N, C-alpha and C. Protein backbone atom coordinates (compact mmCIF):
# COMPACT_ATOMS: atom_id res chain seq x y z
N MET A 1 112.24 96.70 -2.83
CA MET A 1 112.34 96.46 -4.26
C MET A 1 112.89 95.05 -4.49
N GLU A 2 112.20 94.29 -5.26
CA GLU A 2 112.66 92.94 -5.57
C GLU A 2 113.36 92.94 -6.93
N HIS A 3 114.33 92.08 -7.05
CA HIS A 3 114.99 91.89 -8.34
C HIS A 3 115.23 90.40 -8.52
N PRO A 4 115.25 89.95 -9.77
CA PRO A 4 115.43 88.52 -10.02
C PRO A 4 116.78 88.02 -9.52
N LEU A 5 116.79 86.80 -9.07
CA LEU A 5 118.04 86.13 -8.69
C LEU A 5 118.38 85.15 -9.80
N TYR A 6 119.63 85.14 -10.17
CA TYR A 6 120.08 84.24 -11.24
C TYR A 6 121.18 83.35 -10.70
N ARG A 7 121.33 82.21 -11.35
CA ARG A 7 122.41 81.29 -11.02
C ARG A 7 123.15 80.97 -12.31
N VAL A 8 124.46 80.97 -12.21
CA VAL A 8 125.27 80.54 -13.34
C VAL A 8 125.22 79.02 -13.37
N ARG A 9 124.90 78.47 -14.51
CA ARG A 9 124.82 77.01 -14.67
C ARG A 9 126.02 76.44 -15.43
N SER A 10 126.61 77.26 -16.31
CA SER A 10 127.72 76.75 -17.12
C SER A 10 128.55 77.92 -17.63
N PHE A 11 129.75 77.60 -18.06
CA PHE A 11 130.59 78.60 -18.72
C PHE A 11 131.53 77.89 -19.67
N GLU A 12 132.00 78.65 -20.65
CA GLU A 12 132.95 78.14 -21.64
C GLU A 12 133.95 79.25 -21.92
N LEU A 13 135.23 78.92 -21.84
CA LEU A 13 136.29 79.87 -22.17
C LEU A 13 136.33 80.04 -23.68
N LEU A 14 136.10 81.27 -24.15
CA LEU A 14 136.06 81.53 -25.59
C LEU A 14 137.33 82.21 -26.09
N GLY A 15 138.07 82.80 -25.22
CA GLY A 15 139.28 83.51 -25.60
C GLY A 15 140.07 83.83 -24.36
N THR A 16 141.09 84.63 -24.52
CA THR A 16 141.98 84.94 -23.42
C THR A 16 141.25 85.45 -22.19
N HIS A 17 140.29 86.35 -22.38
CA HIS A 17 139.55 86.93 -21.26
C HIS A 17 138.05 86.96 -21.52
N CYS A 18 137.58 86.03 -22.32
CA CYS A 18 136.18 86.02 -22.74
C CYS A 18 135.53 84.68 -22.39
N LEU A 19 134.31 84.76 -21.83
CA LEU A 19 133.56 83.57 -21.45
C LEU A 19 132.15 83.62 -22.01
N ARG A 20 131.63 82.46 -22.37
CA ARG A 20 130.19 82.31 -22.62
C ARG A 20 129.62 81.73 -21.33
N ILE A 21 128.62 82.41 -20.79
CA ILE A 21 128.05 82.02 -19.50
C ILE A 21 126.58 81.68 -19.68
N GLY A 22 126.18 80.51 -19.18
CA GLY A 22 124.79 80.08 -19.22
C GLY A 22 124.13 80.24 -17.86
N PHE A 23 122.88 80.70 -17.86
CA PHE A 23 122.16 80.97 -16.63
C PHE A 23 120.96 80.04 -16.46
N ASP A 24 120.46 79.98 -15.25
CA ASP A 24 119.36 79.07 -14.93
C ASP A 24 118.05 79.44 -15.62
N ASP A 25 117.93 80.64 -16.16
CA ASP A 25 116.72 81.01 -16.89
C ASP A 25 116.83 80.68 -18.38
N GLY A 26 117.92 79.99 -18.77
CA GLY A 26 118.12 79.59 -20.16
C GLY A 26 118.85 80.62 -21.01
N SER A 27 119.12 81.79 -20.46
CA SER A 27 119.82 82.82 -21.24
C SER A 27 121.33 82.61 -21.17
N GLU A 28 122.03 83.30 -22.06
CA GLU A 28 123.49 83.27 -22.10
C GLU A 28 124.01 84.68 -22.29
N GLN A 29 125.22 84.89 -21.83
CA GLN A 29 125.96 86.12 -22.10
C GLN A 29 127.36 85.73 -22.55
N VAL A 30 127.87 86.41 -23.55
CA VAL A 30 129.27 86.32 -23.92
C VAL A 30 129.92 87.57 -23.37
N ILE A 31 130.88 87.39 -22.47
CA ILE A 31 131.46 88.51 -21.74
C ILE A 31 132.96 88.58 -21.94
N ASP A 32 133.41 89.76 -22.36
CA ASP A 32 134.83 90.09 -22.41
C ASP A 32 135.13 90.82 -21.11
N PHE A 33 135.92 90.23 -20.24
CA PHE A 33 136.18 90.78 -18.91
C PHE A 33 137.27 91.84 -18.89
N ARG A 34 137.96 92.08 -20.01
CA ARG A 34 139.08 93.02 -19.99
C ARG A 34 138.75 94.40 -19.41
N PRO A 35 137.56 94.95 -19.65
CA PRO A 35 137.29 96.29 -19.11
C PRO A 35 137.25 96.38 -17.58
N ILE A 36 137.19 95.25 -16.89
CA ILE A 36 137.13 95.32 -15.42
C ILE A 36 138.36 94.72 -14.74
N LEU A 37 139.39 94.39 -15.50
CA LEU A 37 140.56 93.74 -14.91
C LEU A 37 141.54 94.76 -14.33
N PHE A 38 141.07 95.45 -13.30
CA PHE A 38 141.84 96.47 -12.60
C PHE A 38 141.69 96.24 -11.10
N GLY A 39 142.56 96.86 -10.35
CA GLY A 39 142.47 96.77 -8.90
C GLY A 39 143.10 95.50 -8.37
N GLU A 40 143.21 95.45 -7.08
CA GLU A 40 143.91 94.36 -6.38
C GLU A 40 143.32 92.98 -6.66
N ILE A 41 142.00 92.88 -6.72
CA ILE A 41 141.35 91.58 -6.88
C ILE A 41 141.31 91.12 -8.33
N PHE A 42 140.99 92.02 -9.25
CA PHE A 42 140.79 91.61 -10.64
C PHE A 42 142.03 91.76 -11.52
N ARG A 43 142.99 92.63 -11.16
CA ARG A 43 144.19 92.81 -11.97
C ARG A 43 144.94 91.50 -12.26
N PRO A 44 145.08 90.58 -11.28
CA PRO A 44 145.79 89.33 -11.56
C PRO A 44 145.16 88.51 -12.69
N LEU A 45 143.87 88.73 -12.96
CA LEU A 45 143.20 87.98 -14.03
C LEU A 45 143.64 88.42 -15.42
N ARG A 46 144.44 89.48 -15.51
CA ARG A 46 145.00 89.87 -16.81
C ARG A 46 145.92 88.76 -17.35
N ASP A 47 146.51 88.01 -16.45
CA ASP A 47 147.35 86.88 -16.85
C ASP A 47 146.41 85.79 -17.36
N PRO A 48 146.52 85.43 -18.66
CA PRO A 48 145.61 84.44 -19.22
C PRO A 48 145.59 83.12 -18.46
N ALA A 49 146.72 82.72 -17.90
CA ALA A 49 146.77 81.46 -17.16
C ALA A 49 145.95 81.55 -15.88
N VAL A 50 145.95 82.70 -15.24
CA VAL A 50 145.16 82.90 -14.03
C VAL A 50 143.68 83.01 -14.39
N PHE A 51 143.37 83.78 -15.44
CA PHE A 51 141.97 83.91 -15.87
C PHE A 51 141.36 82.54 -16.18
N ALA A 52 142.15 81.69 -16.81
CA ALA A 52 141.66 80.35 -17.20
C ALA A 52 141.38 79.44 -16.02
N GLN A 53 141.75 79.85 -14.82
CA GLN A 53 141.47 79.05 -13.62
C GLN A 53 140.07 79.29 -13.07
N VAL A 54 139.23 79.96 -13.84
CA VAL A 54 137.85 80.24 -13.43
C VAL A 54 137.12 78.93 -13.12
N ARG A 55 136.28 78.99 -12.10
CA ARG A 55 135.49 77.83 -11.69
C ARG A 55 134.08 78.27 -11.35
N LEU A 56 133.16 77.33 -11.38
CA LEU A 56 131.79 77.58 -10.97
C LEU A 56 131.65 77.19 -9.50
N ASP A 57 131.33 78.16 -8.67
CA ASP A 57 131.15 77.89 -7.25
C ASP A 57 129.80 77.20 -7.06
N PRO A 58 129.79 75.97 -6.52
CA PRO A 58 128.54 75.22 -6.40
C PRO A 58 127.57 75.78 -5.36
N ASP A 59 128.08 76.58 -4.43
CA ASP A 59 127.21 77.14 -3.40
C ASP A 59 126.65 78.51 -3.81
N ALA A 60 127.52 79.36 -4.33
CA ALA A 60 127.10 80.72 -4.71
C ALA A 60 126.53 80.78 -6.14
N HIS A 61 126.75 79.72 -6.92
CA HIS A 61 126.26 79.64 -8.30
C HIS A 61 126.75 80.81 -9.14
N THR A 62 128.04 81.10 -9.00
CA THR A 62 128.66 82.13 -9.80
C THR A 62 130.09 81.73 -10.13
N LEU A 63 130.76 82.58 -10.89
CA LEU A 63 132.13 82.31 -11.30
C LEU A 63 133.09 82.85 -10.25
N VAL A 64 134.12 82.08 -9.96
CA VAL A 64 135.13 82.47 -8.99
C VAL A 64 136.52 82.12 -9.53
N TRP A 65 137.51 82.85 -9.03
CA TRP A 65 138.90 82.60 -9.39
C TRP A 65 139.70 82.41 -8.11
N PRO A 66 140.83 81.74 -8.20
CA PRO A 66 141.64 81.50 -7.00
C PRO A 66 142.17 82.78 -6.36
N THR A 67 142.14 83.89 -7.06
CA THR A 67 142.61 85.17 -6.52
C THR A 67 141.62 85.78 -5.53
N GLY A 68 140.42 85.20 -5.46
CA GLY A 68 139.36 85.77 -4.63
C GLY A 68 138.36 86.57 -5.44
N ALA A 69 138.63 86.76 -6.71
CA ALA A 69 137.71 87.50 -7.58
C ALA A 69 136.46 86.66 -7.82
N ASP A 70 135.33 87.33 -7.83
CA ASP A 70 134.07 86.70 -8.19
C ASP A 70 133.13 87.79 -8.71
N CYS A 71 132.03 87.39 -9.31
CA CYS A 71 131.06 88.34 -9.84
C CYS A 71 129.67 87.91 -9.44
N ASP A 72 128.86 88.88 -9.07
CA ASP A 72 127.46 88.63 -8.75
C ASP A 72 126.76 88.04 -9.98
N PRO A 73 126.04 86.93 -9.84
CA PRO A 73 125.37 86.34 -11.00
C PRO A 73 124.42 87.32 -11.70
N ALA A 74 123.75 88.19 -10.94
CA ALA A 74 122.85 89.17 -11.56
C ALA A 74 123.63 90.15 -12.42
N THR A 75 124.81 90.53 -11.98
CA THR A 75 125.66 91.43 -12.77
C THR A 75 126.07 90.75 -14.07
N LEU A 76 126.46 89.49 -13.98
CA LEU A 76 126.85 88.75 -15.18
C LEU A 76 125.66 88.61 -16.13
N HIS A 77 124.50 88.31 -15.57
CA HIS A 77 123.29 88.12 -16.38
C HIS A 77 122.94 89.40 -17.13
N ASP A 78 123.08 90.53 -16.46
CA ASP A 78 122.71 91.82 -17.05
C ASP A 78 123.92 92.61 -17.53
N TRP A 79 124.97 91.93 -17.91
CA TRP A 79 126.25 92.55 -18.28
C TRP A 79 126.10 93.73 -19.25
N PRO A 80 125.33 93.62 -20.32
CA PRO A 80 125.25 94.77 -21.23
C PRO A 80 124.74 96.04 -20.55
N LEU A 81 123.91 95.89 -19.54
CA LEU A 81 123.39 97.05 -18.81
C LEU A 81 124.36 97.53 -17.73
N GLN A 82 125.30 96.69 -17.35
CA GLN A 82 126.20 96.97 -16.23
C GLN A 82 127.60 97.41 -16.64
N ILE A 83 128.04 97.05 -17.83
CA ILE A 83 129.46 97.17 -18.18
C ILE A 83 129.98 98.61 -18.13
N ALA A 84 129.20 99.58 -18.55
CA ALA A 84 129.69 100.97 -18.54
C ALA A 84 130.04 101.40 -17.11
N ALA A 85 129.14 101.18 -16.17
CA ALA A 85 129.38 101.57 -14.78
C ALA A 85 130.50 100.73 -14.16
N LEU A 86 130.55 99.46 -14.49
CA LEU A 86 131.60 98.59 -13.96
C LEU A 86 132.98 99.02 -14.45
N SER A 87 133.07 99.42 -15.70
CA SER A 87 134.36 99.86 -16.26
C SER A 87 134.87 101.09 -15.52
N VAL A 88 133.97 102.02 -15.26
CA VAL A 88 134.36 103.23 -14.52
C VAL A 88 134.81 102.86 -13.11
N ARG A 89 134.04 102.01 -12.45
CA ARG A 89 134.38 101.59 -11.09
C ARG A 89 135.72 100.85 -11.06
N ALA A 90 135.96 100.01 -12.04
CA ALA A 90 137.22 99.25 -12.08
C ALA A 90 138.41 100.17 -12.22
N ARG A 91 138.29 101.20 -13.02
CA ARG A 91 139.39 102.16 -13.17
C ARG A 91 139.60 102.94 -11.87
N GLN A 92 138.54 103.18 -11.14
CA GLN A 92 138.66 103.84 -9.84
C GLN A 92 139.39 102.94 -8.85
N TRP A 93 139.15 101.62 -8.94
CA TRP A 93 139.89 100.68 -8.07
C TRP A 93 141.38 100.84 -8.34
N GLU A 94 141.75 100.92 -9.61
CA GLU A 94 143.15 101.03 -9.98
C GLU A 94 143.73 102.35 -9.47
N LEU A 95 143.01 103.44 -9.63
CA LEU A 95 143.47 104.74 -9.14
C LEU A 95 143.59 104.75 -7.63
N GLY A 96 142.65 104.11 -6.96
CA GLY A 96 142.69 104.02 -5.51
C GLY A 96 143.92 103.28 -5.03
N ALA A 97 144.29 102.23 -5.73
CA ALA A 97 145.47 101.45 -5.35
C ALA A 97 146.73 102.27 -5.54
N GLU A 98 146.76 103.14 -6.57
CA GLU A 98 147.95 103.98 -6.79
C GLU A 98 148.04 105.09 -5.76
N ARG A 99 146.89 105.61 -5.32
CA ARG A 99 146.88 106.70 -4.34
C ARG A 99 147.17 106.21 -2.93
N PHE A 100 146.78 104.96 -2.66
CA PHE A 100 146.92 104.44 -1.31
C PHE A 100 147.70 103.13 -1.33
N PRO A 101 148.99 103.16 -1.69
CA PRO A 101 149.76 101.92 -1.74
C PRO A 101 149.90 101.31 -0.35
N GLU A 102 150.04 99.99 -0.35
CA GLU A 102 150.18 99.28 0.94
C GLU A 102 151.58 99.43 1.50
C-alpha cells in the first residue's frame, strides 16, 4: 500500500501550543498540540518556553523539539483525520508512565 509522503516547509507559532504548518504540496494545517502533550517525550512541551523551541529538521523535513519529540510529516498533514486516535494514544502514554515508573 502506498501513501503520499509530505515534507514540512514552514511553520509559525500562533499561540502557546499552536502552530500553522506549511507543506510541500501547498497545503497548511493549524494544529493545537495540547491533546497530545502527554508521556515522557511530549509532556515537557506543556511548558510554553520548551514548546517554542520547535525547529524544522532539514533532513527529516518535519518539526522537532530539543526534548526528542517529533511528528511524522504525514500525521501533521492529515491532523484532522489523526487527532482522535492520537489523543487516545497520548493518554495511554501518560497512564503507562504512571503504571511503570522508572
